[in-house]
């Protein structure tokens, strides 16, 4: 059974930073591209960033380019999202995803 557990969210002021982690299990982690997605209540899921299986390629939605960095440690079955220069518009529940499978999310709130 695929399990994806995100952590690291919290309350941060605009301009601050957070690092999200996602521990994966139930599949061969390094064989799959992974994504971070986010959702604001009442809105559709938004893909934030994607990384390939060996971590050599990544892609970001325009809204986070230059501020967020996706990475992975295949030895630890863990996906990361470093978020810098956070904006109020980044407030959402963040999920890591394997194709269409979402794990437990983590709330990120950016507010002064």
PDB file of N, CA and C in Angstrom:
ATOM      1  N   UNK A   1       0.841  -1.194   0.000  1.00  0.00           N
ATOM      2  CA  UNK A   1       0.000   0.000   0.000  1.00  0.00           C
ATOM      3  C   UNK A   1       0.875   1.242   0.000  1.00  0.00           C
ATOM      4  N   UNK A   2       0.581   2.140  -0.935  1.00  0.00           N
ATOM      5  CA  UNK A   2       1.315   3.404  -1.007  1.00  0.00           C
ATOM      6  C   UNK A   2       0.911   4.300   0.155  1.00  0.00           C
ATOM      7  N   UNK A   3       1.906   4.817   0.849  1.00  0.00           N
ATOM      8  CA  UNK A   3       1.651   5.787   1.913  1.00  0.00           C
ATOM      9  C   UNK A   3       2.573   6.984   1.720  1.00  0.00           C
ATOM     10  N   UNK A   4       1.990   8.160   1.832  1.00  0.00           N
ATOM     11  CA  UNK A   4       2.724   9.415   1.675  1.00  0.00           C
ATOM     12  C   UNK A   4       2.331  10.325   2.822  1.00  0.00           C
ATOM     13  N   UNK A   5       3.293  10.692   3.637  1.00  0.00           N
ATOM     14  CA  UNK A   5       2.993  11.494   4.834  1.00  0.00           C
ATOM     15  C   UNK A   5       3.814  12.779   4.812  1.00  0.00           C
ATOM     16  N   UNK A   6       3.132  13.878   4.565  1.00  0.00           N
ATOM     17  CA  UNK A   6       3.788  15.183   4.531  1.00  0.00           C
ATOM     18  C   UNK A   6       3.849  15.775   5.934  1.00  0.00           C
ATOM     19  N   UNK A   7       4.876  16.558   6.170  1.00  0.00           N
ATOM     20  CA  UNK A   7       5.036  17.244   7.450  1.00  0.00           C
ATOM     21  C   UNK A   7       5.851  18.514   7.228  1.00  0.00           C
ATOM     22  N   UNK A   8       5.896  19.340   8.265  1.00  0.00           N
ATOM     23  CA  UNK A   8       6.722  20.545   8.200  1.00  0.00           C
ATOM     24  C   UNK A   8       5.965  21.835   8.003  1.00  0.00           C
ATOM     25  N   UNK A   9       4.662  21.756   7.845  1.00  0.00           N
ATOM     26  CA  UNK A   9       3.880  22.975   7.674  1.00  0.00           C
ATOM     27  C   UNK A   9       3.790  23.759   8.972  1.00  0.00           C
ATOM     28  N   UNK A  10       3.162  24.923   8.874  1.00  0.00           N
ATOM     29  CA  UNK A  10       2.996  25.750  10.056  1.00  0.00           C
ATOM     30  C   UNK A  10       2.599  27.157   9.686  1.00  0.00           C
ATOM     31  N   UNK A  11       2.676  28.036  10.671  1.00  0.00           N
ATOM     32  CA  UNK A  11       2.351  29.450  10.495  1.00  0.00           C
ATOM     33  C   UNK A  11       3.656  30.227  10.353  1.00  0.00           C
ATOM     34  N   UNK A  12       3.742  31.025   9.310  1.00  0.00           N
ATOM     35  CA  UNK A  12       4.953  31.802   9.062  1.00  0.00           C
ATOM     36  C   UNK A  12       4.560  33.180   8.538  1.00  0.00           C
ATOM     37  N   UNK A  13       5.378  34.164   8.821  1.00  0.00           N
ATOM     38  CA  UNK A  13       5.109  35.516   8.332  1.00  0.00           C
ATOM     39  C   UNK A  13       5.508  35.645   6.865  1.00  0.00           C
ATOM     40  N   UNK A  14       4.902  36.567   6.155  1.00  0.00           N
ATOM     41  CA  UNK A  14       5.332  36.817   4.770  1.00  0.00           C
ATOM     42  C   UNK A  14       6.834  37.091   4.710  1.00  0.00           C
ATOM     43  N   UNK A  15       7.472  36.490   3.719  1.00  0.00           N
ATOM     44  CA  UNK A  15       8.917  36.599   3.587  1.00  0.00           C
ATOM     45  C   UNK A  15       9.684  35.493   4.275  1.00  0.00           C
ATOM     46  N   UNK A  16       8.987  34.700   5.080  1.00  0.00           N
ATOM     47  CA  UNK A  16       9.632  33.630   5.811  1.00  0.00           C
ATOM     48  C   UNK A  16       9.844  32.377   4.979  1.00  0.00           C
ATOM     49  N   UNK A  17      10.347  31.338   5.647  1.00  0.00           N
ATOM     50  CA  UNK A  17      10.675  30.083   4.978  1.00  0.00           C
ATOM     51  C   UNK A  17      10.125  28.896   5.760  1.00  0.00           C
ATOM     52  N   UNK A  18       9.849  27.844   5.030  1.00  0.00           N
ATOM     53  CA  UNK A  18       9.485  26.550   5.606  1.00  0.00           C
ATOM     54  C   UNK A  18      10.077  25.462   4.724  1.00  0.00           C
ATOM     55  N   UNK A  19      10.339  24.310   5.351  1.00  0.00           N
ATOM     56  CA  UNK A  19      10.772  23.146   4.589  1.00  0.00           C
ATOM     57  C   UNK A  19       9.801  22.011   4.857  1.00  0.00           C
ATOM     58  N   UNK A  20       9.143  21.562   3.804  1.00  0.00           N
ATOM     59  CA  UNK A  20       8.223  20.431   3.908  1.00  0.00           C
ATOM     60  C   UNK A  20       8.958  19.133   3.602  1.00  0.00           C
ATOM     61  N   UNK A  21       8.543  18.076   4.265  1.00  0.00           N
ATOM     62  CA  UNK A  21       9.072  16.745   4.009  1.00  0.00           C
ATOM     63  C   UNK A  21       7.922  15.799   3.730  1.00  0.00           C
ATOM     64  N   UNK A  22       8.190  14.751   2.969  1.00  0.00           N
ATOM     65  CA  UNK A  22       7.187  13.718   2.703  1.00  0.00           C
ATOM     66  C   UNK A  22       7.872  12.366   2.728  1.00  0.00           C
ATOM     67  N   UNK A  23       7.491  11.551   3.692  1.00  0.00           N
ATOM     68  CA  UNK A  23       8.041  10.206   3.809  1.00  0.00           C
ATOM     69  C   UNK A  23       7.159   9.249   3.028  1.00  0.00           C
ATOM     70  N   UNK A  24       7.755   8.523   2.103  1.00  0.00           N
ATOM     71  CA  UNK A  24       7.018   7.618   1.229  1.00  0.00           C
ATOM     72  C   UNK A  24       7.306   6.164   1.576  1.00  0.00           C
ATOM     73  N   UNK A  25       6.308   5.309   1.383  1.00  0.00           N
ATOM     74  CA  UNK A  25       6.487   3.883   1.589  1.00  0.00           C
ATOM     75  C   UNK A  25       5.500   3.119   0.722  1.00  0.00           C
ATOM     76  N   UNK A  26       5.783   1.824   0.546  1.00  0.00           N
ATOM     77  CA  UNK A  26       4.868   0.975  -0.206  1.00  0.00           C
ATOM     78  C   UNK A  26       5.167   0.859  -1.684  1.00  0.00           C
ATOM     79  N   UNK A  27       6.244   1.513  -2.135  1.00  0.00           N
ATOM     80  CA  UNK A  27       6.644   1.416  -3.535  1.00  0.00           C
ATOM     81  C   UNK A  27       8.134   1.746  -3.630  1.00  0.00           C
ATOM     82  N   UNK A  28       8.718   1.477  -4.788  1.00  0.00           N
ATOM     83  CA  UNK A  28      10.136   1.754  -4.981  1.00  0.00           C
ATOM     84  C   UNK A  28      10.299   3.236  -5.315  1.00  0.00           C
ATOM     85  N   UNK A  29      10.564   4.010  -4.297  1.00  0.00           N
ATOM     86  CA  UNK A  29      10.501   5.468  -4.365  1.00  0.00           C
ATOM     87  C   UNK A  29      11.337   6.041  -5.508  1.00  0.00           C
ATOM     88  N   UNK A  30      12.554   5.589  -5.646  1.00  0.00           N
ATOM     89  CA  UNK A  30      13.475   6.168  -6.622  1.00  0.00           C
ATOM     90  C   UNK A  30      13.095   5.898  -8.065  1.00  0.00           C
ATOM     91  N   UNK A  31      12.127   5.041  -8.293  1.00  0.00           N
ATOM     92  CA  UNK A  31      11.707   4.711  -9.657  1.00  0.00           C
ATOM     93  C   UNK A  31      10.643   5.653 -10.209  1.00  0.00           C
ATOM     94  N   UNK A  32      10.162   6.574  -9.367  1.00  0.00           N
ATOM     95  CA  UNK A  32       8.999   7.373  -9.759  1.00  0.00           C
ATOM     96  C   UNK A  32       9.244   8.869  -9.613  1.00  0.00           C
ATOM     97  N   UNK A  33       8.724   9.627 -10.578  1.00  0.00           N
ATOM     98  CA  UNK A  33       8.628  11.065 -10.405  1.00  0.00           C
ATOM     99  C   UNK A  33       7.631  11.355  -9.286  1.00  0.00           C
ATOM    100  N   UNK A  34       7.877  12.448  -8.604  1.00  0.00           N
ATOM    101  CA  UNK A  34       7.002  12.855  -7.501  1.00  0.00           C
ATOM    102  C   UNK A  34       6.625  14.319  -7.665  1.00  0.00           C
ATOM    103  N   UNK A  35       5.509  14.691  -7.030  1.00  0.00           N
ATOM    104  CA  UNK A  35       5.022  16.056  -7.123  1.00  0.00           C
ATOM    105  C   UNK A  35       4.655  16.589  -5.752  1.00  0.00           C
ATOM    106  N   UNK A  36       4.713  17.882  -5.620  1.00  0.00           N
ATOM    107  CA  UNK A  36       4.036  18.594  -4.542  1.00  0.00           C
ATOM    108  C   UNK A  36       2.847  19.316  -5.191  1.00  0.00           C
ATOM    109  N   UNK A  37       1.701  19.187  -4.550  1.00  0.00           N
ATOM    110  CA  UNK A  37       0.513  19.902  -4.986  1.00  0.00           C
ATOM    111  C   UNK A  37      -0.055  20.627  -3.776  1.00  0.00           C
ATOM    112  N   UNK A  38      -0.895  21.614  -4.024  1.00  0.00           N
ATOM    113  CA  UNK A  38      -1.504  22.342  -2.910  1.00  0.00           C
ATOM    114  C   UNK A  38      -2.962  22.638  -3.221  1.00  0.00           C
ATOM    115  N   UNK A  39      -3.721  22.857  -2.168  1.00  0.00           N
ATOM    116  CA  UNK A  39      -5.143  23.138  -2.339  1.00  0.00           C
ATOM    117  C   UNK A  39      -5.604  24.172  -1.338  1.00  0.00           C
ATOM    118  N   UNK A  40      -6.283  25.175  -1.849  1.00  0.00           N
ATOM    119  CA  UNK A  40      -6.961  26.171  -1.043  1.00  0.00           C
ATOM    120  C   UNK A  40      -8.421  25.761  -0.977  1.00  0.00           C
ATOM    121  N   UNK A  41      -9.073  25.857   0.186  1.00  0.00           N
ATOM    122  CA  UNK A  41     -10.489  25.467   0.275  1.00  0.00           C
ATOM    123  C   UNK A  41     -11.325  26.133  -0.810  1.00  0.00           C
ATOM    124  N   UNK A  42     -12.107  25.314  -1.504  1.00  0.00           N
ATOM    125  CA  UNK A  42     -12.983  25.840  -2.535  1.00  0.00           C
ATOM    126  C   UNK A  42     -12.344  25.962  -3.900  1.00  0.00           C
ATOM    127  N   UNK A  43     -11.042  25.650  -3.987  1.00  0.00           N
ATOM    128  CA  UNK A  43     -10.349  25.747  -5.263  1.00  0.00           C
ATOM    129  C   UNK A  43      -9.781  24.380  -5.657  1.00  0.00           C
ATOM    130  N   UNK A  44      -9.423  24.265  -6.934  1.00  0.00           N
ATOM    131  CA  UNK A  44      -8.864  23.017  -7.431  1.00  0.00           C
ATOM    132  C   UNK A  44      -7.445  22.798  -6.901  1.00  0.00           C
ATOM    133  N   UNK A  45      -7.037  21.554  -6.940  1.00  0.00           N
ATOM    134  CA  UNK A  45      -5.641  21.247  -6.647  1.00  0.00           C
ATOM    135  C   UNK A  45      -4.738  21.951  -7.656  1.00  0.00           C
ATOM    136  N   UNK A  46      -3.606  22.442  -7.163  1.00  0.00           N
ATOM    137  CA  UNK A  46      -2.636  23.096  -8.027  1.00  0.00           C
ATOM    138  C   UNK A  46      -1.298  22.382  -7.902  1.00  0.00           C
ATOM    139  N   UNK A  47      -0.755  21.962  -9.020  1.00  0.00           N
ATOM    140  CA  UNK A  47       0.589  21.370  -8.992  1.00  0.00           C
ATOM    141  C   UNK A  47       1.599  22.476  -8.717  1.00  0.00           C
ATOM    142  N   UNK A  48       2.464  22.235  -7.782  1.00  0.00           N
ATOM    143  CA  UNK A  48       3.463  23.228  -7.404  1.00  0.00           C
ATOM    144  C   UNK A  48       4.814  22.907  -8.047  1.00  0.00           C
ATOM    145  N   UNK A  49       5.236  21.654  -7.929  1.00  0.00           N
ATOM    146  CA  UNK A  49       6.558  21.270  -8.428  1.00  0.00           C
ATOM    147  C   UNK A  49       6.587  19.778  -8.688  1.00  0.00           C
ATOM    148  N   UNK A  50       7.424  19.386  -9.644  1.00  0.00           N
ATOM    149  CA  UNK A  50       7.616  17.984 -10.009  1.00  0.00           C
ATOM    150  C   UNK A  50       9.114  17.696 -10.065  1.00  0.00           C
ATOM    151  N   UNK A  51       9.481  16.487  -9.680  1.00  0.00           N
ATOM    152  CA  UNK A  51      10.884  16.072  -9.767  1.00  0.00           C
ATOM    153  C   UNK A  51      10.933  14.657 -10.318  1.00  0.00           C
ATOM    154  N   UNK A  52      11.935  14.359 -11.141  1.00  0.00           N
ATOM    155  CA  UNK A  52      12.012  13.013 -11.693  1.00  0.00           C
ATOM    156  C   UNK A  52      12.635  12.051 -10.668  1.00  0.00           C
ATOM    157  N   UNK A  53      12.718  10.790 -11.061  1.00  0.00           N
ATOM    158  CA  UNK A  53      13.075   9.746 -10.101  1.00  0.00           C
ATOM    159  C   UNK A  53      14.458   9.877  -9.475  1.00  0.00           C
ATOM    160  N   UNK A  54      15.426  10.327 -10.274  1.00  0.00           N
ATOM    161  CA  UNK A  54      16.783  10.437  -9.734  1.00  0.00           C
ATOM    162  C   UNK A  54      17.140  11.864  -9.328  1.00  0.00           C
ATOM    163  N   UNK A  55      16.171  12.749  -9.388  1.00  0.00           N
ATOM    164  CA  UNK A  55      16.388  14.112  -8.906  1.00  0.00           C
ATOM    165  C   UNK A  55      17.150  15.019  -9.831  1.00  0.00           C
ATOM    166  N   UNK A  56      17.322  14.609 -11.091  1.00  0.00           N
ATOM    167  CA  UNK A  56      18.137  15.412 -12.011  1.00  0.00           C
ATOM    168  C   UNK A  56      17.318  16.440 -12.791  1.00  0.00           C
ATOM    169  N   UNK A  57      16.010  16.374 -12.686  1.00  0.00           N
ATOM    170  CA  UNK A  57      15.138  17.298 -13.416  1.00  0.00           C
ATOM    171  C   UNK A  57      13.997  17.720 -12.512  1.00  0.00           C
ATOM    172  N   UNK A  58      13.635  18.987 -12.591  1.00  0.00           N
ATOM    173  CA  UNK A  58      12.495  19.481 -11.826  1.00  0.00           C
ATOM    174  C   UNK A  58      11.787  20.576 -12.612  1.00  0.00           C
ATOM    175  N   UNK A  59      10.575  20.820 -12.215  1.00  0.00           N
ATOM    176  CA  UNK A  59       9.734  21.779 -12.924  1.00  0.00           C
ATOM    177  C   UNK A  59       8.802  22.429 -11.919  1.00  0.00           C
ATOM    178  N   UNK A  60       8.505  23.730 -12.115  1.00  0.00           N
ATOM    179  CA  UNK A  60       7.718  24.483 -11.142  1.00  0.00           C
ATOM    180  C   UNK A  60       6.606  25.264 -11.827  1.00  0.00           C
ATOM    181  N   UNK A  61       5.529  25.458 -11.096  1.00  0.00           N
ATOM    182  CA  UNK A  61       4.507  26.384 -11.562  1.00  0.00           C
ATOM    183  C   UNK A  61       5.089  27.792 -11.495  1.00  0.00           C
ATOM    184  N   UNK A  62       4.669  28.653 -12.402  1.00  0.00           N
ATOM    185  CA  UNK A  62       5.267  29.992 -12.491  1.00  0.00           C
ATOM    186  C   UNK A  62       5.203  30.754 -11.169  1.00  0.00           C
ATOM    187  N   UNK A  63       4.133  30.555 -10.414  1.00  0.00           N
ATOM    188  CA  UNK A  63       3.929  31.332  -9.191  1.00  0.00           C
ATOM    189  C   UNK A  63       5.003  31.102  -8.129  1.00  0.00           C
ATOM    190  N   UNK A  64       5.720  29.974  -8.216  1.00  0.00           N
ATOM    191  CA  UNK A  64       6.707  29.666  -7.180  1.00  0.00           C
ATOM    192  C   UNK A  64       8.135  29.616  -7.706  1.00  0.00           C
ATOM    193  N   UNK A  65       8.319  29.822  -8.991  1.00  0.00           N
ATOM    194  CA  UNK A  65       9.663  29.759  -9.565  1.00  0.00           C
ATOM    195  C   UNK A  65      10.585  30.774  -8.900  1.00  0.00           C
ATOM    196  N   UNK A  66      11.773  30.310  -8.562  1.00  0.00           N
ATOM    197  CA  UNK A  66      12.746  31.168  -7.902  1.00  0.00           C
ATOM    198  C   UNK A  66      12.581  31.259  -6.398  1.00  0.00           C
ATOM    199  N   UNK A  67      11.474  30.746  -5.874  1.00  0.00           N
ATOM    200  CA  UNK A  67      11.232  30.791  -4.425  1.00  0.00           C
ATOM    201  C   UNK A  67      11.213  29.400  -3.793  1.00  0.00           C
ATOM    202  N   UNK A  68      10.695  28.413  -4.510  1.00  0.00           N
ATOM    203  CA  UNK A  68      10.572  27.048  -3.995  1.00  0.00           C
ATOM    204  C   UNK A  68      11.588  26.147  -4.691  1.00  0.00           C
ATOM    205  N   UNK A  69      12.062  25.138  -3.947  1.00  0.00           N
ATOM    206  CA  UNK A  69      12.965  24.135  -4.505  1.00  0.00           C
ATOM    207  C   UNK A  69      12.512  22.752  -4.075  1.00  0.00           C
ATOM    208  N   UNK A  70      12.271  21.896  -5.058  1.00  0.00           N
ATOM    209  CA  UNK A  70      11.903  20.506  -4.779  1.00  0.00           C
ATOM    210  C   UNK A  70      13.169  19.654  -4.838  1.00  0.00           C
ATOM    211  N   UNK A  71      13.270  18.696  -3.937  1.00  0.00           N
ATOM    212  CA  UNK A  71      14.413  17.790  -3.924  1.00  0.00           C
ATOM    213  C   UNK A  71      13.984  16.460  -3.321  1.00  0.00           C
ATOM    214  N   UNK A  72      14.879  15.484  -3.391  1.00  0.00           N
ATOM    215  CA  UNK A  72      14.543  14.163  -2.849  1.00  0.00           C
ATOM    216  C   UNK A  72      15.800  13.473  -2.371  1.00  0.00           C
ATOM    217  N   UNK A  73      15.613  12.590  -1.402  1.00  0.00           N
ATOM    218  CA  UNK A  73      16.664  11.711  -0.916  1.00  0.00           C
ATOM    219  C   UNK A  73      16.146  10.295  -1.059  1.00  0.00           C
ATOM    220  N   UNK A  74      16.557   9.622  -2.113  1.00  0.00           N
ATOM    221  CA  UNK A  74      16.023   8.295  -2.392  1.00  0.00           C
ATOM    222  C   UNK A  74      16.468   7.263  -1.356  1.00  0.00           C
ATOM    223  N   UNK A  75      17.596   7.489  -0.722  1.00  0.00           N
ATOM    224  CA  UNK A  75      18.035   6.567   0.325  1.00  0.00           C
ATOM    225  C   UNK A  75      17.125   6.627   1.546  1.00  0.00           C
ATOM    226  N   UNK A  76      16.463   7.772   1.722  1.00  0.00           N
ATOM    227  CA  UNK A  76      15.573   7.950   2.869  1.00  0.00           C
ATOM    228  C   UNK A  76      14.101   7.907   2.465  1.00  0.00           C
ATOM    229  N   UNK A  77      13.825   7.632   1.184  1.00  0.00           N
ATOM    230  CA  UNK A  77      12.432   7.617   0.694  1.00  0.00           C
ATOM    231  C   UNK A  77      11.696   8.910   1.056  1.00  0.00           C
ATOM    232  N   UNK A  78      12.384  10.024   0.903  1.00  0.00           N
ATOM    233  CA  UNK A  78      11.812  11.290   1.352  1.00  0.00           C
ATOM    234  C   UNK A  78      11.895  12.351   0.258  1.00  0.00           C
ATOM    235  N   UNK A  79      10.802  13.064   0.114  1.00  0.00           N
ATOM    236  CA  UNK A  79      10.660  14.186  -0.809  1.00  0.00           C
ATOM    237  C   UNK A  79      10.632  15.466   0.013  1.00  0.00           C
ATOM    238  N   UNK A  80      11.240  16.524  -0.532  1.00  0.00           N
ATOM    239  CA  UNK A  80      11.301  17.794   0.190  1.00  0.00           C
ATOM    240  C   UNK A  80      10.761  18.935  -0.673  1.00  0.00           C
ATOM    241  N   UNK A  81      10.337  20.004   0.011  1.00  0.00           N
ATOM    242  CA  UNK A  81      10.005  21.247  -0.668  1.00  0.00           C
ATOM    243  C   UNK A  81      10.497  22.387   0.213  1.00  0.00           C
ATOM    244  N   UNK A  82      11.563  23.046  -0.227  1.00  0.00           N
ATOM    245  CA  UNK A  82      12.072  24.223   0.458  1.00  0.00           C
ATOM    246  C   UNK A  82      11.327  25.433  -0.070  1.00  0.00           C
ATOM    247  N   UNK A  83      10.670  26.151   0.813  1.00  0.00           N
ATOM    248  CA  UNK A  83       9.850  27.296   0.418  1.00  0.00           C
ATOM    249  C   UNK A  83      10.425  28.555   1.059  1.00  0.00           C
ATOM    250  N   UNK A  84      10.894  29.455   0.234  1.00  0.00           N
ATOM    251  CA  UNK A  84      11.458  30.728   0.694  1.00  0.00           C
ATOM    252  C   UNK A  84      10.599  31.892   0.205  1.00  0.00           C
ATOM    253  N   UNK A  85      10.799  33.037   0.798  1.00  0.00           N
ATOM    254  CA  UNK A  85      10.063  34.251   0.401  1.00  0.00           C
ATOM    255  C   UNK A  85       8.569  33.980   0.300  1.00  0.00           C
ATOM    256  N   UNK A  86       8.040  33.358   1.329  1.00  0.00           N
ATOM    257  CA  UNK A  86       6.634  32.962   1.300  1.00  0.00           C
ATOM    258  C   UNK A  86       5.717  34.169   1.226  1.00  0.00           C
ATOM    259  N   UNK A  87       4.621  33.992   0.514  1.00  0.00           N
ATOM    260  CA  UNK A  87       3.619  35.027   0.316  1.00  0.00           C
ATOM    261  C   UNK A  87       2.285  34.532   0.867  1.00  0.00           C
ATOM    262  N   UNK A  88       1.390  35.464   1.154  1.00  0.00           N
ATOM    263  CA  UNK A  88       0.086  35.063   1.684  1.00  0.00           C
ATOM    264  C   UNK A  88      -0.646  34.145   0.710  1.00  0.00           C
ATOM    265  N   UNK A  89      -0.381  34.324  -0.576  1.00  0.00           N
ATOM    266  CA  UNK A  89      -1.030  33.483  -1.592  1.00  0.00           C
ATOM    267  C   UNK A  89      -0.548  32.035  -1.564  1.00  0.00           C
ATOM    268  N   UNK A  90       0.514  31.764  -0.820  1.00  0.00           N
ATOM    269  CA  UNK A  90       1.008  30.393  -0.698  1.00  0.00           C
ATOM    270  C   UNK A  90       0.252  29.603   0.368  1.00  0.00           C
ATOM    271  N   UNK A  91      -0.624  30.252   1.103  1.00  0.00           N
ATOM    272  CA  UNK A  91      -1.401  29.579   2.126  1.00  0.00           C
ATOM    273  C   UNK A  91      -2.272  28.506   1.494  1.00  0.00           C
ATOM    274  N   UNK A  92      -2.109  27.264   1.974  1.00  0.00           N
ATOM    275  CA  UNK A  92      -2.830  26.126   1.406  1.00  0.00           C
ATOM    276  C   UNK A  92      -2.468  24.887   2.212  1.00  0.00           C
ATOM    277  N   UNK A  93      -3.179  23.803   1.921  1.00  0.00           N
ATOM    278  CA  UNK A  93      -2.740  22.488   2.380  1.00  0.00           C
ATOM    279  C   UNK A  93      -1.850  21.903   1.284  1.00  0.00           C
ATOM    280  N   UNK A  94      -0.670  21.470   1.683  1.00  0.00           N
ATOM    281  CA  UNK A  94       0.308  20.932   0.737  1.00  0.00           C
ATOM    282  C   UNK A  94       0.355  19.407   0.861  1.00  0.00           C
ATOM    283  N   UNK A  95       0.352  18.755  -0.298  1.00  0.00           N
ATOM    284  CA  UNK A  95       0.397  17.309  -0.373  1.00  0.00           C
ATOM    285  C   UNK A  95       1.556  16.875  -1.269  1.00  0.00           C
ATOM    286  N   UNK A  96       2.174  15.765  -0.922  1.00  0.00           N
ATOM    287  CA  UNK A  96       3.032  15.137  -1.913  1.00  0.00           C
ATOM    288  C   UNK A  96       2.198  14.111  -2.664  1.00  0.00           C
ATOM    289  N   UNK A  97       2.569  13.842  -3.904  1.00  0.00           N
ATOM    290  CA  UNK A  97       1.739  13.010  -4.760  1.00  0.00           C
ATOM    291  C   UNK A  97       2.578  12.093  -5.626  1.00  0.00           C
ATOM    292  N   UNK A  98       2.099  10.881  -5.756  1.00  0.00           N
ATOM    293  CA  UNK A  98       2.614   9.903  -6.701  1.00  0.00           C
ATOM    294  C   UNK A  98       1.514   9.715  -7.746  1.00  0.00           C
ATOM    295  N   UNK A  99       1.727  10.252  -8.916  1.00  0.00           N
ATOM    296  CA  UNK A  99       0.670  10.305  -9.937  1.00  0.00           C
ATOM    297  C   UNK A  99      -0.576  10.919  -9.301  1.00  0.00           C
ATOM    298  N   UNK A 100      -1.681  10.189  -9.239  1.00  0.00           N
ATOM    299  CA  UNK A 100      -2.918  10.744  -8.675  1.00  0.00           C
ATOM    300  C   UNK A 100      -3.116  10.379  -7.210  1.00  0.00           C
ATOM    301  N   UNK A 101      -2.122   9.766  -6.597  1.00  0.00           N
ATOM    302  CA  UNK A 101      -2.248   9.357  -5.196  1.00  0.00           C
ATOM    303  C   UNK A 101      -1.693  10.469  -4.307  1.00  0.00           C
ATOM    304  N   UNK A 102      -2.558  10.983  -3.439  1.00  0.00           N
ATOM    305  CA  UNK A 102      -2.145  12.011  -2.491  1.00  0.00           C
ATOM    306  C   UNK A 102      -1.990  11.398  -1.113  1.00  0.00           C
ATOM    307  N   UNK A 103      -1.038  11.918  -0.391  1.00  0.00           N
ATOM    308  CA  UNK A 103      -0.889  11.487   0.983  1.00  0.00           C
ATOM    309  C   UNK A 103      -1.587  12.436   1.931  1.00  0.00           C
ATOM    310  N   UNK A 104      -1.264  12.283   3.195  1.00  0.00           N
ATOM    311  CA  UNK A 104      -1.774  13.205   4.199  1.00  0.00           C
ATOM    312  C   UNK A 104      -1.093  14.551   4.005  1.00  0.00           C
ATOM    313  N   UNK A 105      -1.873  15.606   4.000  1.00  0.00           N
ATOM    314  CA  UNK A 105      -1.332  16.922   3.738  1.00  0.00           C
ATOM    315  C   UNK A 105      -0.826  17.615   4.979  1.00  0.00           C
ATOM    316  N   UNK A 106      -0.195  18.766   4.751  1.00  0.00           N
ATOM    317  CA  UNK A 106       0.288  19.600   5.841  1.00  0.00           C
ATOM    318  C   UNK A 106      -0.109  21.045   5.553  1.00  0.00           C
ATOM    319  N   UNK A 107      -0.640  21.713   6.565  1.00  0.00           N
ATOM    320  CA  UNK A 107      -1.157  23.067   6.392  1.00  0.00           C
ATOM    321  C   UNK A 107      -0.024  24.082   6.442  1.00  0.00           C
ATOM    322  N   UNK A 108       0.013  24.949   5.456  1.00  0.00           N
ATOM    323  CA  UNK A 108       0.938  26.081   5.446  1.00  0.00           C
ATOM    324  C   UNK A 108       0.104  27.353   5.485  1.00  0.00           C
ATOM    325  N   UNK A 109       0.353  28.178   6.473  1.00  0.00           N
ATOM    326  CA  UNK A 109      -0.363  29.445   6.604  1.00  0.00           C
ATOM    327  C   UNK A 109       0.654  30.568   6.644  1.00  0.00           C
ATOM    328  N   UNK A 110       0.519  31.494   5.699  1.00  0.00           N
ATOM    329  CA  UNK A 110       1.412  32.644   5.629  1.00  0.00           C
ATOM    330  C   UNK A 110       0.598  33.878   5.990  1.00  0.00           C
ATOM    331  N   UNK A 111       0.921  34.446   7.122  1.00  0.00           N
ATOM    332  CA  UNK A 111       0.124  35.563   7.626  1.00  0.00           C
ATOM    333  C   UNK A 111       0.955  36.394   8.587  1.00  0.00           C
ATOM    334  N   UNK A 112       0.677  37.704   8.586  1.00  0.00           N
ATOM    335  CA  UNK A 112       1.340  38.577   9.541  1.00  0.00           C
ATOM    336  C   UNK A 112       0.494  38.754  10.797  1.00  0.00           C
TER     337      UNK A 112
END
